[in-house]
């Protein structure tokens, strides 16, 4: 369950990075 949740969070982070690039923030990733 923890591994699955970690993958989901990384996928959310990826979506923010694809949108914001080097300006991706922890706030934006958490919101995503």
ModelCIF file with pLDDT and N, C-alpha, C, O atoms, coordinates in Angstrom:
data_MODEL
#
_entry.id   MODEL 
#
_entity.id                         1 
_entity.type                       polymer 
_entity.pdbx_number_of_molecules   1 
#
_entity_poly.entity_id                      1 
_entity_poly.type                           'polypeptide(L)' 
_entity_poly.nstd_linkage                   no 
_entity_poly.nstd_monomer                   no 
_entity_poly.pdbx_seq_one_letter_code       
;(UNK)(UNK)(UNK)(UNK)(UNK)(UNK)(UNK)(UNK)(UNK)(UNK)(UNK)(UNK)(UNK)(UNK)(UNK)(UNK)
(UNK)(UNK)(UNK)(UNK)(UNK)(UNK)(UNK)(UNK)(UNK)(UNK)(UNK)(UNK)(UNK)(UNK)(UNK)(UNK)
;
_entity_poly.pdbx_seq_one_letter_code_can   XXXXXXXXXXXXXXXXXXXXXXXXXXXXXXXX 
_entity_poly.pdbx_strand_id                 A 
#
loop_
_entity_poly_seq.entity_id 
_entity_poly_seq.num 
_entity_poly_seq.mon_id 
_entity_poly_seq.hetero 
1 1  UNK n 
1 2  UNK n 
1 3  UNK n 
1 4  UNK n 
1 5  UNK n 
1 6  UNK n 
1 7  UNK n 
1 8  UNK n 
1 9  UNK n 
1 10 UNK n 
1 11 UNK n 
1 12 UNK n 
1 13 UNK n 
1 14 UNK n 
1 15 UNK n 
1 16 UNK n 
1 17 UNK n 
1 18 UNK n 
1 19 UNK n 
1 20 UNK n 
1 21 UNK n 
1 22 UNK n 
1 23 UNK n 
1 24 UNK n 
1 25 UNK n 
1 26 UNK n 
1 27 UNK n 
1 28 UNK n 
1 29 UNK n 
1 30 UNK n 
1 31 UNK n 
1 32 UNK n 
#
_struct_asym.id          A 
_struct_asym.entity_id   1 
#
loop_
_ma_qa_metric.id 
_ma_qa_metric.mode 
_ma_qa_metric.name 
_ma_qa_metric.software_group_id 
_ma_qa_metric.type 
1 global pLDDT . pLDDT 
2 local  pLDDT . pLDDT 
#
_ma_qa_metric_global.metric_id      1 
_ma_qa_metric_global.metric_value   90.38 
_ma_qa_metric_global.model_id       1 
_ma_qa_metric_global.ordinal_id     1 
#
loop_
_ma_qa_metric_local.label_asym_id 
_ma_qa_metric_local.label_comp_id 
_ma_qa_metric_local.label_seq_id 
_ma_qa_metric_local.metric_id 
_ma_qa_metric_local.metric_value 
_ma_qa_metric_local.model_id 
_ma_qa_metric_local.ordinal_id 
A UNK 1  2 80.00 1 1  
A UNK 2  2 80.00 1 2  
A UNK 3  2 84.00 1 3  
A UNK 4  2 89.00 1 4  
A UNK 5  2 88.00 1 5  
A UNK 6  2 88.00 1 6  
A UNK 7  2 91.00 1 7  
A UNK 8  2 93.00 1 8  
A UNK 9  2 93.00 1 9  
A UNK 10 2 93.00 1 10 
A UNK 11 2 94.00 1 11 
A UNK 12 2 94.00 1 12 
A UNK 13 2 93.00 1 13 
A UNK 14 2 93.00 1 14 
A UNK 15 2 95.00 1 15 
A UNK 16 2 94.00 1 16 
A UNK 17 2 91.00 1 17 
A UNK 18 2 92.00 1 18 
A UNK 19 2 92.00 1 19 
A UNK 20 2 91.00 1 20 
A UNK 21 2 88.00 1 21 
A UNK 22 2 84.00 1 22 
A UNK 23 2 87.00 1 23 
A UNK 24 2 87.00 1 24 
A UNK 25 2 88.00 1 25 
A UNK 26 2 89.00 1 26 
A UNK 27 2 92.00 1 27 
A UNK 28 2 93.00 1 28 
A UNK 29 2 93.00 1 29 
A UNK 30 2 93.00 1 30 
A UNK 31 2 95.00 1 31 
A UNK 32 2 95.00 1 32 
#
loop_
_atom_site.group_PDB 
_atom_site.id 
_atom_site.type_symbol 
_atom_site.label_atom_id 
_atom_site.label_alt_id 
_atom_site.label_comp_id 
_atom_site.label_asym_id 
_atom_site.label_entity_id 
_atom_site.label_seq_id 
_atom_site.pdbx_PDB_ins_code 
_atom_site.Cartn_x 
_atom_site.Cartn_y 
_atom_site.Cartn_z 
_atom_site.occupancy 
_atom_site.B_iso_or_equiv 
_atom_site.pdbx_formal_charge 
_atom_site.auth_seq_id 
_atom_site.auth_comp_id 
_atom_site.auth_asym_id 
_atom_site.auth_atom_id 
_atom_site.pdbx_PDB_model_num 
ATOM 1   N N  . UNK A 1 1  ? 0.829  -1.198 0.000   1.00 80.00 ? 1  UNK A N  1 
ATOM 2   C CA . UNK A 1 1  ? 0.000  0.000  0.000   1.00 80.00 ? 1  UNK A CA 1 
ATOM 3   C C  . UNK A 1 1  ? 0.867  1.253  0.000   1.00 80.00 ? 1  UNK A C  1 
ATOM 4   O O  . UNK A 1 1  ? 0.573  2.216  -0.708  1.00 80.00 ? 1  UNK A O  1 
ATOM 5   N N  . UNK A 1 2  ? 1.938  1.240  0.795   1.00 80.00 ? 2  UNK A N  1 
ATOM 6   C CA . UNK A 1 2  ? 2.841  2.390  0.850   1.00 80.00 ? 2  UNK A CA 1 
ATOM 7   C C  . UNK A 1 2  ? 3.545  2.584  -0.481  1.00 80.00 ? 2  UNK A C  1 
ATOM 8   O O  . UNK A 1 2  ? 3.693  3.715  -0.944  1.00 80.00 ? 2  UNK A O  1 
ATOM 9   N N  . UNK A 1 3  ? 3.983  1.490  -1.106  1.00 84.00 ? 3  UNK A N  1 
ATOM 10  C CA . UNK A 1 3  ? 4.646  1.580  -2.410  1.00 84.00 ? 3  UNK A CA 1 
ATOM 11  C C  . UNK A 1 3  ? 3.695  2.132  -3.476  1.00 84.00 ? 3  UNK A C  1 
ATOM 12  O O  . UNK A 1 3  ? 4.082  2.958  -4.302  1.00 84.00 ? 3  UNK A O  1 
ATOM 13  N N  . UNK A 1 4  ? 2.454  1.663  -3.443  1.00 89.00 ? 4  UNK A N  1 
ATOM 14  C CA . UNK A 1 4  ? 1.461  2.147  -4.407  1.00 89.00 ? 4  UNK A CA 1 
ATOM 15  C C  . UNK A 1 4  ? 1.204  3.639  -4.204  1.00 89.00 ? 4  UNK A C  1 
ATOM 16  O O  . UNK A 1 4  ? 1.129  4.400  -5.170  1.00 89.00 ? 4  UNK A O  1 
ATOM 17  N N  . UNK A 1 5  ? 1.070  4.053  -2.945  1.00 88.00 ? 5  UNK A N  1 
ATOM 18  C CA . UNK A 1 5  ? 0.825  5.458  -2.657  1.00 88.00 ? 5  UNK A CA 1 
ATOM 19  C C  . UNK A 1 5  ? 2.013  6.320  -3.088  1.00 88.00 ? 5  UNK A C  1 
ATOM 20  O O  . UNK A 1 5  ? 1.827  7.434  -3.578  1.00 88.00 ? 5  UNK A O  1 
ATOM 21  N N  . UNK A 1 6  ? 3.227  5.810  -2.907  1.00 88.00 ? 6  UNK A N  1 
ATOM 22  C CA . UNK A 1 6  ? 4.421  6.537  -3.319  1.00 88.00 ? 6  UNK A CA 1 
ATOM 23  C C  . UNK A 1 6  ? 4.440  6.714  -4.840  1.00 88.00 ? 6  UNK A C  1 
ATOM 24  O O  . UNK A 1 6  ? 4.778  7.788  -5.339  1.00 88.00 ? 6  UNK A O  1 
ATOM 25  N N  . UNK A 1 7  ? 4.075  5.652  -5.577  1.00 91.00 ? 7  UNK A N  1 
ATOM 26  C CA . UNK A 1 7  ? 4.010  5.756  -7.036  1.00 91.00 ? 7  UNK A CA 1 
ATOM 27  C C  . UNK A 1 7  ? 2.981  6.794  -7.460  1.00 91.00 ? 7  UNK A C  1 
ATOM 28  O O  . UNK A 1 7  ? 3.224  7.563  -8.390  1.00 91.00 ? 7  UNK A O  1 
ATOM 29  N N  . UNK A 1 8  ? 1.845  6.822  -6.793  1.00 93.00 ? 8  UNK A N  1 
ATOM 30  C CA . UNK A 1 8  ? 0.802  7.794  -7.125  1.00 93.00 ? 8  UNK A CA 1 
ATOM 31  C C  . UNK A 1 8  ? 1.287  9.228  -6.899  1.00 93.00 ? 8  UNK A C  1 
ATOM 32  O O  . UNK A 1 8  ? 1.000  10.124 -7.692  1.00 93.00 ? 8  UNK A O  1 
ATOM 33  N N  . UNK A 1 9  ? 2.020  9.427  -5.814  1.00 93.00 ? 9  UNK A N  1 
ATOM 34  C CA . UNK A 1 9  ? 2.548  10.763 -5.528  1.00 93.00 ? 9  UNK A CA 1 
ATOM 35  C C  . UNK A 1 9  ? 3.609  11.167 -6.547  1.00 93.00 ? 9  UNK A C  1 
ATOM 36  O O  . UNK A 1 9  ? 3.677  12.328 -6.950  1.00 93.00 ? 9  UNK A O  1 
ATOM 37  N N  . UNK A 1 10 ? 4.435  10.209 -6.961  1.00 93.00 ? 10 UNK A N  1 
ATOM 38  C CA . UNK A 1 10 ? 5.439  10.511 -7.987  1.00 93.00 ? 10 UNK A CA 1 
ATOM 39  C C  . UNK A 1 10 ? 4.782  10.833 -9.319  1.00 93.00 ? 10 UNK A C  1 
ATOM 40  O O  . UNK A 1 10 ? 5.264  11.693 -10.055 1.00 93.00 ? 10 UNK A O  1 
ATOM 41  N N  . UNK A 1 11 ? 3.694  10.156 -9.633  1.00 94.00 ? 11 UNK A N  1 
ATOM 42  C CA . UNK A 1 11 ? 2.979  10.459 -10.868 1.00 94.00 ? 11 UNK A CA 1 
ATOM 43  C C  . UNK A 1 11 ? 2.360  11.854 -10.808 1.00 94.00 ? 11 UNK A C  1 
ATOM 44  O O  . UNK A 1 11 ? 2.339  12.568 -11.810 1.00 94.00 ? 11 UNK A O  1 
ATOM 45  N N  . UNK A 1 12 ? 1.857  12.243 -9.633  1.00 94.00 ? 12 UNK A N  1 
ATOM 46  C CA . UNK A 1 12 ? 1.336  13.599 -9.466  1.00 94.00 ? 12 UNK A CA 1 
ATOM 47  C C  . UNK A 1 12 ? 2.460  14.612 -9.615  1.00 94.00 ? 12 UNK A C  1 
ATOM 48  O O  . UNK A 1 12 ? 2.286  15.653 -10.250 1.00 94.00 ? 12 UNK A O  1 
ATOM 49  N N  . UNK A 1 13 ? 3.606  14.310 -9.035  1.00 93.00 ? 13 UNK A N  1 
ATOM 50  C CA . UNK A 1 13 ? 4.759  15.203 -9.156  1.00 93.00 ? 13 UNK A CA 1 
ATOM 51  C C  . UNK A 1 13 ? 5.183  15.326 -10.613 1.00 93.00 ? 13 UNK A C  1 
ATOM 52  O O  . UNK A 1 13 ? 5.533  16.415 -11.069 1.00 93.00 ? 13 UNK A O  1 
ATOM 53  N N  . UNK A 1 14 ? 5.155  14.225 -11.338 1.00 93.00 ? 14 UNK A N  1 
ATOM 54  C CA . UNK A 1 14 ? 5.513  14.258 -12.764 1.00 93.00 ? 14 UNK A CA 1 
ATOM 55  C C  . UNK A 1 14 ? 4.598  15.190 -13.548 1.00 93.00 ? 14 UNK A C  1 
ATOM 56  O O  . UNK A 1 14 ? 5.051  15.927 -14.423 1.00 93.00 ? 14 UNK A O  1 
ATOM 57  N N  . UNK A 1 15 ? 3.314  15.151 -13.228 1.00 95.00 ? 15 UNK A N  1 
ATOM 58  C CA . UNK A 1 15 ? 2.367  16.013 -13.950 1.00 95.00 ? 15 UNK A CA 1 
ATOM 59  C C  . UNK A 1 15 ? 2.682  17.488 -13.701 1.00 95.00 ? 15 UNK A C  1 
ATOM 60  O O  . UNK A 1 15 ? 2.597  18.310 -14.614 1.00 95.00 ? 15 UNK A O  1 
ATOM 61  N N  . UNK A 1 16 ? 3.042  17.813 -12.476 1.00 94.00 ? 16 UNK A N  1 
ATOM 62  C CA . UNK A 1 16 ? 3.390  19.200 -12.156 1.00 94.00 ? 16 UNK A CA 1 
ATOM 63  C C  . UNK A 1 16 ? 4.692  19.596 -12.850 1.00 94.00 ? 16 UNK A C  1 
ATOM 64  O O  . UNK A 1 16 ? 4.811  20.707 -13.367 1.00 94.00 ? 16 UNK A O  1 
ATOM 65  N N  . UNK A 1 17 ? 5.653  18.699 -12.859 1.00 91.00 ? 17 UNK A N  1 
ATOM 66  C CA . UNK A 1 17 ? 6.941  18.981 -13.502 1.00 91.00 ? 17 UNK A CA 1 
ATOM 67  C C  . UNK A 1 17 ? 6.740  19.194 -14.996 1.00 91.00 ? 17 UNK A C  1 
ATOM 68  O O  . UNK A 1 17 ? 7.341  20.102 -15.572 1.00 91.00 ? 17 UNK A O  1 
ATOM 69  N N  . UNK A 1 18 ? 5.914  18.383 -15.629 1.00 92.00 ? 18 UNK A N  1 
ATOM 70  C CA . UNK A 1 18 ? 5.638  18.549 -17.058 1.00 92.00 ? 18 UNK A CA 1 
ATOM 71  C C  . UNK A 1 18 ? 4.997  19.910 -17.342 1.00 92.00 ? 18 UNK A C  1 
ATOM 72  O O  . UNK A 1 18 ? 5.185  20.479 -18.418 1.00 92.00 ? 18 UNK A O  1 
ATOM 73  N N  . UNK A 1 19 ? 4.253  20.417 -16.385 1.00 92.00 ? 19 UNK A N  1 
ATOM 74  C CA . UNK A 1 19 ? 3.590  21.712 -16.554 1.00 92.00 ? 19 UNK A CA 1 
ATOM 75  C C  . UNK A 1 19 ? 4.513  22.877 -16.185 1.00 92.00 ? 19 UNK A C  1 
ATOM 76  O O  . UNK A 1 19 ? 4.570  23.879 -16.897 1.00 92.00 ? 19 UNK A O  1 
ATOM 77  N N  . UNK A 1 20 ? 5.230  22.740 -15.071 1.00 91.00 ? 20 UNK A N  1 
ATOM 78  C CA . UNK A 1 20 ? 5.969  23.871 -14.501 1.00 91.00 ? 20 UNK A CA 1 
ATOM 79  C C  . UNK A 1 20 ? 7.483  23.783 -14.652 1.00 91.00 ? 20 UNK A C  1 
ATOM 80  O O  . UNK A 1 20 ? 8.181  24.764 -14.398 1.00 91.00 ? 20 UNK A O  1 
ATOM 81  N N  . UNK A 1 21 ? 8.001  22.637 -15.057 1.00 88.00 ? 21 UNK A N  1 
ATOM 82  C CA . UNK A 1 21 ? 9.437  22.491 -15.209 1.00 88.00 ? 21 UNK A CA 1 
ATOM 83  C C  . UNK A 1 21 ? 10.186 22.760 -13.922 1.00 88.00 ? 21 UNK A C  1 
ATOM 84  O O  . UNK A 1 21 ? 9.760  22.306 -12.860 1.00 88.00 ? 21 UNK A O  1 
ATOM 85  N N  . UNK A 1 22 ? 11.303 23.493 -13.985 1.00 84.00 ? 22 UNK A N  1 
ATOM 86  C CA . UNK A 1 22 ? 12.113 23.721 -12.791 1.00 84.00 ? 22 UNK A CA 1 
ATOM 87  C C  . UNK A 1 22 ? 11.426 24.575 -11.738 1.00 84.00 ? 22 UNK A C  1 
ATOM 88  O O  . UNK A 1 22 ? 11.934 24.697 -10.624 1.00 84.00 ? 22 UNK A O  1 
ATOM 89  N N  . UNK A 1 23 ? 10.267 25.178 -12.069 1.00 87.00 ? 23 UNK A N  1 
ATOM 90  C CA . UNK A 1 23 ? 9.520  25.971 -11.096 1.00 87.00 ? 23 UNK A CA 1 
ATOM 91  C C  . UNK A 1 23 ? 8.524  25.116 -10.302 1.00 87.00 ? 23 UNK A C  1 
ATOM 92  O O  . UNK A 1 23 ? 7.771  25.653 -9.489  1.00 87.00 ? 23 UNK A O  1 
ATOM 93  N N  . UNK A 1 24 ? 8.507  23.824 -10.518 1.00 87.00 ? 24 UNK A N  1 
ATOM 94  C CA . UNK A 1 24 ? 7.598  22.950 -9.766  1.00 87.00 ? 24 UNK A CA 1 
ATOM 95  C C  . UNK A 1 24 ? 7.868  23.088 -8.276  1.00 87.00 ? 24 UNK A C  1 
ATOM 96  O O  . UNK A 1 24 ? 9.018  23.022 -7.842  1.00 87.00 ? 24 UNK A O  1 
ATOM 97  N N  . UNK A 1 25 ? 6.813  23.277 -7.493  1.00 88.00 ? 25 UNK A N  1 
ATOM 98  C CA . UNK A 1 25 ? 6.961  23.478 -6.049  1.00 88.00 ? 25 UNK A CA 1 
ATOM 99  C C  . UNK A 1 25 ? 6.273  22.364 -5.269  1.00 88.00 ? 25 UNK A C  1 
ATOM 100 O O  . UNK A 1 25 ? 5.412  21.656 -5.792  1.00 88.00 ? 25 UNK A O  1 
ATOM 101 N N  . UNK A 1 26 ? 6.666  22.227 -4.022  1.00 89.00 ? 26 UNK A N  1 
ATOM 102 C CA . UNK A 1 26 ? 6.027  21.236 -3.155  1.00 89.00 ? 26 UNK A CA 1 
ATOM 103 C C  . UNK A 1 26 ? 4.548  21.559 -2.971  1.00 89.00 ? 26 UNK A C  1 
ATOM 104 O O  . UNK A 1 26 ? 3.717  20.652 -2.917  1.00 89.00 ? 26 UNK A O  1 
ATOM 105 N N  . UNK A 1 27 ? 4.214  22.845 -2.874  1.00 92.00 ? 27 UNK A N  1 
ATOM 106 C CA . UNK A 1 27 ? 2.806  23.220 -2.724  1.00 92.00 ? 27 UNK A CA 1 
ATOM 107 C C  . UNK A 1 27 ? 1.987  22.759 -3.926  1.00 92.00 ? 27 UNK A C  1 
ATOM 108 O O  . UNK A 1 27 ? 0.893  22.215 -3.771  1.00 92.00 ? 27 UNK A O  1 
ATOM 109 N N  . UNK A 1 28 ? 2.530  22.983 -5.138  1.00 93.00 ? 28 UNK A N  1 
ATOM 110 C CA . UNK A 1 28 ? 1.806  22.593 -6.344  1.00 93.00 ? 28 UNK A CA 1 
ATOM 111 C C  . UNK A 1 28 ? 1.685  21.078 -6.448  1.00 93.00 ? 28 UNK A C  1 
ATOM 112 O O  . UNK A 1 28 ? 0.649  20.559 -6.864  1.00 93.00 ? 28 UNK A O  1 
ATOM 113 N N  . UNK A 1 29 ? 2.738  20.377 -6.071  1.00 93.00 ? 29 UNK A N  1 
ATOM 114 C CA . UNK A 1 29 ? 2.712  18.912 -6.135  1.00 93.00 ? 29 UNK A CA 1 
ATOM 115 C C  . UNK A 1 29 ? 1.704  18.349 -5.136  1.00 93.00 ? 29 UNK A C  1 
ATOM 116 O O  . UNK A 1 29 ? 0.943  17.439 -5.462  1.00 93.00 ? 29 UNK A O  1 
ATOM 117 N N  . UNK A 1 30 ? 1.701  18.888 -3.928  1.00 93.00 ? 30 UNK A N  1 
ATOM 118 C CA . UNK A 1 30 ? 0.738  18.431 -2.919  1.00 93.00 ? 30 UNK A CA 1 
ATOM 119 C C  . UNK A 1 30 ? -0.694 18.690 -3.387  1.00 93.00 ? 30 UNK A C  1 
ATOM 120 O O  . UNK A 1 30 ? -1.572 17.844 -3.215  1.00 93.00 ? 30 UNK A O  1 
ATOM 121 N N  . UNK A 1 31 ? -0.924 19.865 -3.979  1.00 95.00 ? 31 UNK A N  1 
ATOM 122 C CA . UNK A 1 31 ? -2.264 20.183 -4.475  1.00 95.00 ? 31 UNK A CA 1 
ATOM 123 C C  . UNK A 1 31 ? -2.674 19.229 -5.588  1.00 95.00 ? 31 UNK A C  1 
ATOM 124 O O  . UNK A 1 31 ? -3.817 18.774 -5.631  1.00 95.00 ? 31 UNK A O  1 
ATOM 125 N N  . UNK A 1 32 ? -1.736 18.924 -6.495  1.00 95.00 ? 32 UNK A N  1 
ATOM 126 C CA . UNK A 1 32 ? -2.037 17.995 -7.590  1.00 95.00 ? 32 UNK A CA 1 
ATOM 127 C C  . UNK A 1 32 ? -2.392 16.616 -7.060  1.00 95.00 ? 32 UNK A C  1 
ATOM 128 O O  . UNK A 1 32 ? -2.674 15.708 -7.842  1.00 95.00 ? 32 UNK A O  1 
#
